[in-house]
Each structure stands twice: as C-alpha cells, then as structure tokens.
Amino acid sequence: MKHLWTFIGALMLASGVALGAYGAHGLQATVTVQRSIDAFEYAVQYQLISGLGFFAIAWALNHFKESLVNLAGLFLLIGSLGFSVSLYLLVLIQWRPWPLVTPISGGFMILAWVVFALASLTSHPRRSIF
C-alpha cells in the first residue's frame, strides 16, 4: 500500500505543477474574473500540499498503525480530489455538480490529518523514526 500512496502523491504533484503552469500562463486568456482565478490557484495549492501529504502517509506506514494511516490516506484522497476537482470544474466550465462538494471535501482533508495525528499518538513505532 505504501507504493500506492507514493504513486498517488507523485501523480498529484505532477498534475498540480501542470495545472499551476496553465493557471499562470493560459487561464487568464479564458477566465477574466479575479475571484475565479484565485479559486483555481487555491485548488492547485491544496492539490500540491495534498500531493506531499501522500508521501507522509507512505512514510507513516512503516511507523504507525497501518489501518489508521491507510484510513487517513483514503480520507486525504477523497478530500483532495473532491476539493480541487470541484474548483477546477467551477472555474473552467462553470459547472458545479453538487454545491457542497468543496466544503465537504475540505472536511475530509481535515479528517485525514486528525486520523493521521491519532495514528501517531496511538501507535507504537514499528521502527525507529530516525
């Protein structure tokens, strides 16, 4: 499972960099509302942060309770995809499939890191952290 989280993190980072480049160089040709441009930038920012988070999830599988870490990874995946994709859809095609996707997805990202924190407190490290 560790390799899966690393793979997902790498894909999120690669696509986040690509979308960030598009946002910096091509988005303003199609989107003129500053609030929409800001929303796109937030989506990219949270995608990149979450991408790095998946590397933390993969690392933690060697150190903390695996079931909690994998649960945190699942919540992070649901949250980060829901949050960023919903904002991308809103900005790029003015389509918002469900009005509460973005805030609920943000809640999933918060929940992911709360579960991760619980995993760190309730686990006896299987290996030395350093």
N, C-alpha and C. Protein backbone atom coordinates (compact mmCIF):
# COMPACT_ATOMS: atom_id res chain seq x y z
N MET A 1 0.82 -1.20 0.00
CA MET A 1 0.00 0.00 0.00
C MET A 1 0.87 1.27 0.00
N LYS A 2 2.06 1.15 0.57
CA LYS A 2 2.95 2.30 0.63
C LYS A 2 3.25 2.81 -0.78
N HIS A 3 3.47 1.90 -1.71
CA HIS A 3 3.78 2.31 -3.07
C HIS A 3 2.59 3.00 -3.74
N LEU A 4 1.38 2.58 -3.40
CA LEU A 4 0.19 3.21 -3.94
C LEU A 4 0.10 4.67 -3.50
N TRP A 5 0.33 4.93 -2.21
CA TRP A 5 0.25 6.31 -1.72
C TRP A 5 1.36 7.16 -2.34
N THR A 6 2.53 6.60 -2.52
CA THR A 6 3.62 7.34 -3.16
C THR A 6 3.26 7.63 -4.62
N PHE A 7 2.70 6.66 -5.31
CA PHE A 7 2.27 6.83 -6.70
C PHE A 7 1.22 7.93 -6.81
N ILE A 8 0.23 7.89 -5.94
CA ILE A 8 -0.83 8.91 -5.96
C ILE A 8 -0.23 10.28 -5.67
N GLY A 9 0.66 10.36 -4.69
CA GLY A 9 1.30 11.63 -4.37
C GLY A 9 2.07 12.18 -5.55
N ALA A 10 2.82 11.33 -6.23
CA ALA A 10 3.60 11.78 -7.38
C ALA A 10 2.69 12.27 -8.51
N LEU A 11 1.59 11.55 -8.77
CA LEU A 11 0.64 11.99 -9.80
C LEU A 11 -0.03 13.30 -9.42
N MET A 12 -0.37 13.46 -8.16
CA MET A 12 -0.99 14.71 -7.72
C MET A 12 -0.02 15.87 -7.87
N LEU A 13 1.25 15.64 -7.55
CA LEU A 13 2.24 16.70 -7.70
C LEU A 13 2.48 17.03 -9.16
N ALA A 14 2.62 16.02 -10.00
CA ALA A 14 2.85 16.27 -11.43
C ALA A 14 1.69 17.03 -12.06
N SER A 15 0.48 16.58 -11.80
CA SER A 15 -0.68 17.27 -12.37
C SER A 15 -0.88 18.64 -11.74
N GLY A 16 -0.52 18.79 -10.46
CA GLY A 16 -0.62 20.09 -9.82
C GLY A 16 0.33 21.10 -10.43
N VAL A 17 1.54 20.67 -10.73
CA VAL A 17 2.50 21.56 -11.39
C VAL A 17 1.99 21.94 -12.78
N ALA A 18 1.47 20.96 -13.52
CA ALA A 18 0.94 21.24 -14.86
C ALA A 18 -0.24 22.21 -14.79
N LEU A 19 -1.14 21.98 -13.86
CA LEU A 19 -2.30 22.88 -13.73
C LEU A 19 -1.88 24.25 -13.23
N GLY A 20 -0.88 24.28 -12.36
CA GLY A 20 -0.35 25.57 -11.91
C GLY A 20 0.27 26.35 -13.05
N ALA A 21 0.98 25.66 -13.92
CA ALA A 21 1.56 26.34 -15.09
C ALA A 21 0.46 26.86 -16.01
N TYR A 22 -0.58 26.05 -16.20
CA TYR A 22 -1.71 26.51 -17.01
C TYR A 22 -2.36 27.73 -16.37
N GLY A 23 -2.53 27.67 -15.06
CA GLY A 23 -3.12 28.79 -14.35
C GLY A 23 -2.31 30.06 -14.48
N ALA A 24 -0.99 29.93 -14.49
CA ALA A 24 -0.12 31.09 -14.58
C ALA A 24 0.00 31.63 -16.00
N HIS A 25 -0.16 30.77 -17.00
CA HIS A 25 0.11 31.20 -18.37
C HIS A 25 -1.08 31.16 -19.32
N GLY A 26 -2.08 30.35 -19.06
CA GLY A 26 -3.17 30.21 -20.02
C GLY A 26 -4.55 30.54 -19.50
N LEU A 27 -4.72 30.46 -18.20
CA LEU A 27 -6.06 30.63 -17.62
C LEU A 27 -6.62 32.02 -17.87
N GLN A 28 -5.79 33.03 -17.78
CA GLN A 28 -6.28 34.41 -17.91
C GLN A 28 -6.79 34.73 -19.31
N ALA A 29 -6.45 33.89 -20.27
CA ALA A 29 -6.99 34.09 -21.62
C ALA A 29 -8.46 33.68 -21.70
N THR A 30 -8.90 32.80 -20.81
CA THR A 30 -10.28 32.32 -20.85
C THR A 30 -11.10 32.77 -19.64
N VAL A 31 -10.44 33.10 -18.54
CA VAL A 31 -11.14 33.50 -17.33
C VAL A 31 -10.68 34.91 -16.96
N THR A 32 -11.65 35.79 -16.80
CA THR A 32 -11.29 37.18 -16.50
C THR A 32 -11.69 37.62 -15.09
N VAL A 33 -12.47 36.83 -14.42
CA VAL A 33 -12.92 37.18 -13.07
C VAL A 33 -11.82 36.80 -12.07
N GLN A 34 -11.31 37.77 -11.34
CA GLN A 34 -10.21 37.53 -10.42
C GLN A 34 -10.57 36.50 -9.35
N ARG A 35 -11.80 36.52 -8.90
CA ARG A 35 -12.23 35.55 -7.88
C ARG A 35 -12.11 34.11 -8.40
N SER A 36 -12.41 33.90 -9.67
CA SER A 36 -12.27 32.57 -10.27
C SER A 36 -10.80 32.18 -10.41
N ILE A 37 -9.98 33.13 -10.80
CA ILE A 37 -8.54 32.86 -10.89
C ILE A 37 -7.98 32.51 -9.52
N ASP A 38 -8.42 33.22 -8.50
CA ASP A 38 -7.99 32.91 -7.13
C ASP A 38 -8.43 31.52 -6.72
N ALA A 39 -9.66 31.15 -7.06
CA ALA A 39 -10.17 29.81 -6.73
C ALA A 39 -9.33 28.73 -7.40
N PHE A 40 -8.96 28.95 -8.65
CA PHE A 40 -8.12 28.00 -9.38
C PHE A 40 -6.77 27.86 -8.66
N GLU A 41 -6.20 28.98 -8.26
CA GLU A 41 -4.90 28.94 -7.55
C GLU A 41 -5.01 28.21 -6.23
N TYR A 42 -6.14 28.39 -5.50
CA TYR A 42 -6.35 27.64 -4.25
C TYR A 42 -6.43 26.14 -4.53
N ALA A 43 -7.12 25.77 -5.60
CA ALA A 43 -7.24 24.35 -5.96
C ALA A 43 -5.86 23.76 -6.23
N VAL A 44 -5.03 24.47 -6.97
CA VAL A 44 -3.68 23.99 -7.26
C VAL A 44 -2.87 23.89 -5.97
N GLN A 45 -2.95 24.92 -5.15
CA GLN A 45 -2.19 24.94 -3.89
C GLN A 45 -2.55 23.75 -3.01
N TYR A 46 -3.85 23.51 -2.82
CA TYR A 46 -4.26 22.39 -1.98
C TYR A 46 -3.92 21.05 -2.62
N GLN A 47 -3.96 20.97 -3.93
CA GLN A 47 -3.56 19.73 -4.61
C GLN A 47 -2.09 19.44 -4.37
N LEU A 48 -1.25 20.46 -4.47
CA LEU A 48 0.18 20.27 -4.25
C LEU A 48 0.48 19.90 -2.80
N ILE A 49 -0.17 20.56 -1.88
CA ILE A 49 0.03 20.23 -0.46
C ILE A 49 -0.40 18.79 -0.19
N SER A 50 -1.55 18.41 -0.74
CA SER A 50 -2.03 17.04 -0.55
C SER A 50 -1.09 16.03 -1.19
N GLY A 51 -0.54 16.39 -2.36
CA GLY A 51 0.43 15.50 -3.00
C GLY A 51 1.59 15.19 -2.08
N LEU A 52 2.11 16.20 -1.41
CA LEU A 52 3.18 15.98 -0.43
C LEU A 52 2.68 15.16 0.74
N GLY A 53 1.42 15.38 1.10
CA GLY A 53 0.84 14.62 2.20
C GLY A 53 0.83 13.13 1.95
N PHE A 54 0.67 12.72 0.70
CA PHE A 54 0.67 11.29 0.41
C PHE A 54 2.04 10.66 0.66
N PHE A 55 3.10 11.45 0.53
CA PHE A 55 4.42 10.93 0.87
C PHE A 55 4.53 10.74 2.38
N ALA A 56 3.91 11.62 3.16
CA ALA A 56 3.87 11.45 4.61
C ALA A 56 3.07 10.20 4.98
N ILE A 57 1.98 9.97 4.27
CA ILE A 57 1.17 8.77 4.51
C ILE A 57 2.00 7.52 4.22
N ALA A 58 2.70 7.51 3.10
CA ALA A 58 3.53 6.35 2.74
C ALA A 58 4.62 6.12 3.79
N TRP A 59 5.25 7.19 4.24
CA TRP A 59 6.30 7.08 5.27
C TRP A 59 5.72 6.51 6.55
N ALA A 60 4.55 6.99 6.94
CA ALA A 60 3.95 6.60 8.21
C ALA A 60 3.56 5.13 8.25
N LEU A 61 3.36 4.51 7.11
CA LEU A 61 3.01 3.08 7.11
C LEU A 61 4.10 2.23 7.74
N ASN A 62 5.33 2.73 7.73
CA ASN A 62 6.43 2.00 8.37
C ASN A 62 6.56 2.29 9.85
N HIS A 63 5.78 3.24 10.35
CA HIS A 63 5.99 3.69 11.72
C HIS A 63 4.76 3.65 12.60
N PHE A 64 3.58 3.78 12.02
CA PHE A 64 2.36 3.87 12.82
C PHE A 64 1.38 2.77 12.43
N LYS A 65 0.28 2.72 13.17
CA LYS A 65 -0.74 1.70 12.94
C LYS A 65 -1.25 1.79 11.50
N GLU A 66 -1.03 0.72 10.76
CA GLU A 66 -1.29 0.71 9.32
C GLU A 66 -2.75 1.01 8.98
N SER A 67 -3.68 0.47 9.75
CA SER A 67 -5.09 0.68 9.42
C SER A 67 -5.48 2.15 9.54
N LEU A 68 -4.99 2.83 10.56
CA LEU A 68 -5.31 4.25 10.71
C LEU A 68 -4.62 5.10 9.65
N VAL A 69 -3.40 4.76 9.32
CA VAL A 69 -2.68 5.51 8.30
C VAL A 69 -3.36 5.35 6.94
N ASN A 70 -3.76 4.14 6.60
CA ASN A 70 -4.46 3.92 5.33
C ASN A 70 -5.81 4.64 5.32
N LEU A 71 -6.49 4.69 6.45
CA LEU A 71 -7.75 5.43 6.54
C LEU A 71 -7.49 6.92 6.31
N ALA A 72 -6.43 7.43 6.91
CA ALA A 72 -6.07 8.83 6.69
C ALA A 72 -5.78 9.07 5.21
N GLY A 73 -5.09 8.15 4.56
CA GLY A 73 -4.80 8.27 3.14
C GLY A 73 -6.06 8.28 2.30
N LEU A 74 -7.00 7.43 2.64
CA LEU A 74 -8.26 7.38 1.91
C LEU A 74 -9.02 8.70 2.07
N PHE A 75 -9.09 9.20 3.30
CA PHE A 75 -9.77 10.48 3.54
C PHE A 75 -9.07 11.62 2.79
N LEU A 76 -7.74 11.59 2.77
CA LEU A 76 -7.00 12.63 2.06
C LEU A 76 -7.26 12.55 0.56
N LEU A 77 -7.33 11.35 0.03
CA LEU A 77 -7.61 11.18 -1.40
C LEU A 77 -9.00 11.72 -1.75
N ILE A 78 -10.00 11.32 -0.99
CA ILE A 78 -11.37 11.79 -1.23
C ILE A 78 -11.42 13.31 -1.10
N GLY A 79 -10.82 13.82 -0.06
CA GLY A 79 -10.87 15.26 0.19
C GLY A 79 -10.13 16.07 -0.85
N SER A 80 -8.92 15.67 -1.16
CA SER A 80 -8.12 16.49 -2.07
C SER A 80 -8.67 16.44 -3.49
N LEU A 81 -9.11 15.28 -3.94
CA LEU A 81 -9.71 15.20 -5.28
C LEU A 81 -11.03 15.97 -5.34
N GLY A 82 -11.87 15.76 -4.36
CA GLY A 82 -13.15 16.47 -4.35
C GLY A 82 -12.99 17.97 -4.30
N PHE A 83 -12.07 18.44 -3.45
CA PHE A 83 -11.86 19.87 -3.30
C PHE A 83 -11.32 20.49 -4.58
N SER A 84 -10.20 19.96 -5.05
CA SER A 84 -9.55 20.58 -6.21
C SER A 84 -10.38 20.40 -7.48
N VAL A 85 -10.87 19.21 -7.74
CA VAL A 85 -11.62 18.97 -8.97
C VAL A 85 -12.90 19.82 -9.00
N SER A 86 -13.56 19.96 -7.86
CA SER A 86 -14.78 20.77 -7.85
C SER A 86 -14.48 22.23 -8.18
N LEU A 87 -13.35 22.73 -7.69
CA LEU A 87 -12.98 24.11 -8.03
C LEU A 87 -12.53 24.24 -9.48
N TYR A 88 -11.78 23.24 -9.98
CA TYR A 88 -11.39 23.28 -11.40
C TYR A 88 -12.62 23.31 -12.29
N LEU A 89 -13.60 22.46 -11.99
CA LEU A 89 -14.83 22.42 -12.80
C LEU A 89 -15.59 23.73 -12.73
N LEU A 90 -15.64 24.31 -11.55
CA LEU A 90 -16.33 25.58 -11.38
C LEU A 90 -15.68 26.68 -12.20
N VAL A 91 -14.35 26.76 -12.15
CA VAL A 91 -13.64 27.83 -12.84
C VAL A 91 -13.59 27.60 -14.35
N LEU A 92 -13.29 26.38 -14.77
CA LEU A 92 -13.05 26.13 -16.19
C LEU A 92 -14.31 26.00 -17.03
N ILE A 93 -15.34 25.40 -16.47
CA ILE A 93 -16.57 25.21 -17.27
C ILE A 93 -17.82 25.71 -16.54
N GLN A 94 -17.63 26.44 -15.47
CA GLN A 94 -18.73 26.99 -14.67
C GLN A 94 -19.75 25.92 -14.28
N TRP A 95 -19.24 24.73 -14.02
CA TRP A 95 -20.12 23.62 -13.65
C TRP A 95 -19.78 23.19 -12.23
N ARG A 96 -20.77 23.22 -11.40
CA ARG A 96 -20.61 22.77 -10.03
C ARG A 96 -21.66 21.68 -9.81
N PRO A 97 -21.22 20.41 -9.88
CA PRO A 97 -22.19 19.31 -9.84
C PRO A 97 -23.02 19.27 -8.56
N TRP A 98 -22.41 19.48 -7.43
CA TRP A 98 -23.10 19.47 -6.15
C TRP A 98 -22.56 20.62 -5.33
N PRO A 99 -23.41 21.49 -4.83
CA PRO A 99 -22.94 22.71 -4.19
C PRO A 99 -22.07 22.50 -2.95
N LEU A 100 -22.20 21.39 -2.28
CA LEU A 100 -21.44 21.21 -1.04
C LEU A 100 -20.19 20.34 -1.20
N VAL A 101 -19.83 19.98 -2.43
CA VAL A 101 -18.67 19.12 -2.64
C VAL A 101 -17.40 19.77 -2.08
N THR A 102 -17.18 21.03 -2.38
CA THR A 102 -15.94 21.69 -1.96
C THR A 102 -15.81 21.73 -0.44
N PRO A 103 -16.81 22.23 0.30
CA PRO A 103 -16.63 22.28 1.76
C PRO A 103 -16.60 20.89 2.42
N ILE A 104 -17.38 19.97 1.90
CA ILE A 104 -17.34 18.61 2.47
C ILE A 104 -15.98 17.97 2.21
N SER A 105 -15.44 18.20 1.02
CA SER A 105 -14.12 17.68 0.69
C SER A 105 -13.05 18.29 1.59
N GLY A 106 -13.17 19.57 1.87
CA GLY A 106 -12.25 20.20 2.82
C GLY A 106 -12.34 19.54 4.18
N GLY A 107 -13.55 19.16 4.59
CA GLY A 107 -13.73 18.44 5.84
C GLY A 107 -13.03 17.09 5.83
N PHE A 108 -13.06 16.41 4.68
CA PHE A 108 -12.35 15.13 4.55
C PHE A 108 -10.83 15.32 4.70
N MET A 109 -10.31 16.43 4.15
CA MET A 109 -8.88 16.68 4.29
C MET A 109 -8.52 16.93 5.76
N ILE A 110 -9.35 17.68 6.45
CA ILE A 110 -9.12 17.91 7.89
C ILE A 110 -9.19 16.59 8.63
N LEU A 111 -10.21 15.80 8.34
CA LEU A 111 -10.37 14.50 9.00
C LEU A 111 -9.16 13.60 8.74
N ALA A 112 -8.62 13.65 7.54
CA ALA A 112 -7.44 12.84 7.21
C ALA A 112 -6.30 13.15 8.17
N TRP A 113 -6.05 14.42 8.42
CA TRP A 113 -4.92 14.78 9.27
C TRP A 113 -5.22 14.56 10.75
N VAL A 114 -6.49 14.60 11.15
CA VAL A 114 -6.86 14.23 12.52
C VAL A 114 -6.62 12.73 12.73
N VAL A 115 -7.03 11.91 11.76
CA VAL A 115 -6.80 10.46 11.85
C VAL A 115 -5.30 10.17 11.84
N PHE A 116 -4.55 10.88 11.02
CA PHE A 116 -3.10 10.73 10.98
C PHE A 116 -2.49 11.06 12.34
N ALA A 117 -2.96 12.13 12.96
CA ALA A 117 -2.47 12.51 14.29
C ALA A 117 -2.80 11.42 15.31
N LEU A 118 -4.01 10.87 15.23
CA LEU A 118 -4.38 9.78 16.14
C LEU A 118 -3.50 8.56 15.91
N ALA A 119 -3.19 8.28 14.68
CA ALA A 119 -2.30 7.14 14.37
C ALA A 119 -0.95 7.36 15.01
N SER A 120 -0.46 8.58 15.01
CA SER A 120 0.86 8.84 15.58
C SER A 120 0.83 8.74 17.10
N LEU A 121 -0.29 9.05 17.72
CA LEU A 121 -0.38 9.00 19.18
C LEU A 121 -0.71 7.62 19.72
N THR A 122 -1.40 6.82 18.94
CA THR A 122 -1.88 5.53 19.44
C THR A 122 -1.03 4.36 18.98
N SER A 123 0.01 4.63 18.24
CA SER A 123 0.83 3.55 17.69
C SER A 123 2.15 3.46 18.41
N HIS A 124 2.62 2.25 18.53
CA HIS A 124 3.98 2.03 18.99
C HIS A 124 4.81 1.88 17.72
N PRO A 125 5.77 2.77 17.52
CA PRO A 125 6.54 2.71 16.28
C PRO A 125 7.10 1.31 16.02
N ARG A 126 6.93 0.85 14.78
CA ARG A 126 7.46 -0.46 14.40
C ARG A 126 8.95 -0.37 14.13
N ARG A 127 9.43 0.82 13.80
CA ARG A 127 10.84 1.07 13.56
C ARG A 127 11.19 2.41 14.17
N SER A 128 12.43 2.66 14.32
CA SER A 128 12.86 3.98 14.78
C SER A 128 12.45 5.02 13.75
N ILE A 129 12.00 6.16 14.23
CA ILE A 129 11.57 7.22 13.33
C ILE A 129 12.77 7.83 12.62
N PHE A 130 13.91 7.83 13.25
CA PHE A 130 15.10 8.44 12.63
C PHE A 130 16.13 7.41 12.33
